[in-house]
Amino acid sequence: MPDHNPIPEADLREMREILGDWHAAGMVDPYLSRLLDEIDRLREGLQHDARV
């Protein structure tokens, strides 16, 4: 089992919604959305590893 505290999925969804609103208002750099994508990808990989 990984030695970390994963970000809850609900929190990630909320962060995405907030960033989407900020991006639409021109208040955020699109690279932050990519960061969340990478966090999701890593989290999914950790979940897969935990199942194997």
N, C-alpha and C. Protein backbone atom coordinates (compact mmCIF):
# COMPACT_ATOMS: atom_id res chain seq x y z
N MET A 1 0.85 -1.18 0.00
CA MET A 1 0.00 0.00 0.00
C MET A 1 0.90 1.25 0.00
N PRO A 2 0.56 2.23 -0.81
CA PRO A 2 1.38 3.45 -0.87
C PRO A 2 1.40 4.18 0.47
N ASP A 3 2.49 4.82 0.74
CA ASP A 3 2.66 5.57 1.99
C ASP A 3 2.36 7.04 1.71
N HIS A 4 1.09 7.34 1.50
CA HIS A 4 0.68 8.72 1.21
C HIS A 4 -0.80 8.87 1.54
N ASN A 5 -1.25 10.12 1.53
CA ASN A 5 -2.66 10.42 1.71
C ASN A 5 -3.18 10.98 0.39
N PRO A 6 -3.91 10.17 -0.40
CA PRO A 6 -4.38 10.64 -1.69
C PRO A 6 -5.39 11.77 -1.56
N ILE A 7 -5.44 12.59 -2.59
CA ILE A 7 -6.42 13.67 -2.62
C ILE A 7 -7.78 13.03 -2.93
N PRO A 8 -8.78 13.28 -2.10
CA PRO A 8 -10.10 12.68 -2.35
C PRO A 8 -10.65 13.12 -3.71
N GLU A 9 -11.35 12.21 -4.37
CA GLU A 9 -11.89 12.48 -5.70
C GLU A 9 -12.83 13.69 -5.70
N ALA A 10 -13.63 13.84 -4.67
CA ALA A 10 -14.55 14.98 -4.59
C ALA A 10 -13.77 16.30 -4.54
N ASP A 11 -12.65 16.31 -3.84
CA ASP A 11 -11.83 17.51 -3.78
C ASP A 11 -11.22 17.83 -5.13
N LEU A 12 -10.78 16.80 -5.87
CA LEU A 12 -10.24 17.02 -7.21
C LEU A 12 -11.30 17.59 -8.14
N ARG A 13 -12.53 17.06 -8.05
CA ARG A 13 -13.62 17.59 -8.89
C ARG A 13 -13.88 19.05 -8.56
N GLU A 14 -13.89 19.38 -7.27
CA GLU A 14 -14.12 20.76 -6.86
C GLU A 14 -13.00 21.67 -7.37
N MET A 15 -11.76 21.21 -7.28
CA MET A 15 -10.63 22.00 -7.79
C MET A 15 -10.77 22.24 -9.28
N ARG A 16 -11.19 21.19 -10.01
CA ARG A 16 -11.37 21.33 -11.46
C ARG A 16 -12.45 22.36 -11.78
N GLU A 17 -13.55 22.32 -11.05
CA GLU A 17 -14.64 23.28 -11.28
C GLU A 17 -14.17 24.70 -11.02
N ILE A 18 -13.47 24.90 -9.93
CA ILE A 18 -12.96 26.23 -9.58
C ILE A 18 -11.99 26.72 -10.64
N LEU A 19 -11.04 25.85 -11.03
CA LEU A 19 -10.08 26.24 -12.07
C LEU A 19 -10.78 26.51 -13.39
N GLY A 20 -11.81 25.74 -13.70
CA GLY A 20 -12.57 25.98 -14.93
C GLY A 20 -13.22 27.36 -14.92
N ASP A 21 -13.80 27.73 -13.79
CA ASP A 21 -14.41 29.06 -13.66
C ASP A 21 -13.35 30.15 -13.78
N TRP A 22 -12.23 29.97 -13.10
CA TRP A 22 -11.15 30.96 -13.16
C TRP A 22 -10.58 31.08 -14.56
N HIS A 23 -10.42 29.92 -15.23
CA HIS A 23 -9.88 29.93 -16.59
C HIS A 23 -10.84 30.66 -17.53
N ALA A 24 -12.14 30.40 -17.40
CA ALA A 24 -13.14 31.07 -18.23
C ALA A 24 -13.12 32.58 -18.02
N ALA A 25 -12.80 33.00 -16.81
CA ALA A 25 -12.73 34.43 -16.49
C ALA A 25 -11.37 35.02 -16.85
N GLY A 26 -10.47 34.20 -17.38
CA GLY A 26 -9.13 34.68 -17.75
C GLY A 26 -8.23 34.92 -16.56
N MET A 27 -8.52 34.25 -15.45
CA MET A 27 -7.78 34.50 -14.22
C MET A 27 -6.73 33.43 -13.92
N VAL A 28 -6.63 32.39 -14.74
CA VAL A 28 -5.71 31.30 -14.41
C VAL A 28 -5.00 30.82 -15.67
N ASP A 29 -3.79 30.39 -15.48
CA ASP A 29 -2.97 29.85 -16.55
C ASP A 29 -3.46 28.44 -16.88
N PRO A 30 -3.61 28.10 -18.15
CA PRO A 30 -4.09 26.76 -18.50
C PRO A 30 -3.18 25.63 -18.03
N TYR A 31 -1.94 25.94 -17.70
CA TYR A 31 -1.03 24.89 -17.22
C TYR A 31 -1.49 24.31 -15.88
N LEU A 32 -2.26 25.07 -15.11
CA LEU A 32 -2.77 24.52 -13.85
C LEU A 32 -3.75 23.39 -14.11
N SER A 33 -4.52 23.49 -15.18
CA SER A 33 -5.42 22.40 -15.53
C SER A 33 -4.63 21.15 -15.88
N ARG A 34 -3.52 21.33 -16.55
CA ARG A 34 -2.66 20.19 -16.88
C ARG A 34 -2.09 19.56 -15.62
N LEU A 35 -1.80 20.39 -14.63
CA LEU A 35 -1.30 19.86 -13.37
C LEU A 35 -2.34 18.94 -12.72
N LEU A 36 -3.59 19.36 -12.73
CA LEU A 36 -4.64 18.51 -12.18
C LEU A 36 -4.80 17.23 -12.99
N ASP A 37 -4.66 17.32 -14.30
CA ASP A 37 -4.70 16.11 -15.13
C ASP A 37 -3.60 15.14 -14.71
N GLU A 38 -2.42 15.68 -14.47
CA GLU A 38 -1.30 14.83 -14.06
C GLU A 38 -1.55 14.22 -12.68
N ILE A 39 -2.12 14.99 -11.77
CA ILE A 39 -2.46 14.46 -10.45
C ILE A 39 -3.45 13.31 -10.60
N ASP A 40 -4.47 13.48 -11.45
CA ASP A 40 -5.44 12.42 -11.69
C ASP A 40 -4.76 11.17 -12.24
N ARG A 41 -3.87 11.37 -13.21
CA ARG A 41 -3.18 10.24 -13.84
C ARG A 41 -2.35 9.48 -12.81
N LEU A 42 -1.62 10.21 -11.99
CA LEU A 42 -0.80 9.58 -10.96
C LEU A 42 -1.66 8.86 -9.93
N ARG A 43 -2.76 9.48 -9.55
CA ARG A 43 -3.66 8.88 -8.56
C ARG A 43 -4.25 7.58 -9.11
N GLU A 44 -4.65 7.59 -10.38
CA GLU A 44 -5.19 6.38 -10.99
C GLU A 44 -4.13 5.28 -11.02
N GLY A 45 -2.89 5.65 -11.31
CA GLY A 45 -1.80 4.68 -11.32
C GLY A 45 -1.58 4.08 -9.94
N LEU A 46 -1.64 4.91 -8.91
CA LEU A 46 -1.47 4.41 -7.55
C LEU A 46 -2.61 3.49 -7.16
N GLN A 47 -3.83 3.84 -7.56
CA GLN A 47 -4.97 2.98 -7.26
C GLN A 47 -4.81 1.64 -7.97
N HIS A 48 -4.35 1.67 -9.21
CA HIS A 48 -4.13 0.43 -9.96
C HIS A 48 -3.07 -0.43 -9.27
N ASP A 49 -1.97 0.21 -8.87
CA ASP A 49 -0.90 -0.52 -8.19
C ASP A 49 -1.39 -1.14 -6.88
N ALA A 50 -2.27 -0.45 -6.18
CA ALA A 50 -2.78 -0.96 -4.91
C ALA A 50 -3.67 -2.19 -5.14
N ARG A 51 -4.34 -2.24 -6.29
CA ARG A 51 -5.21 -3.38 -6.60
C ARG A 51 -4.40 -4.60 -7.04
N VAL A 52 -3.24 -4.37 -7.63
CA VAL A 52 -2.44 -5.49 -8.18
C VAL A 52 -1.73 -6.23 -7.11
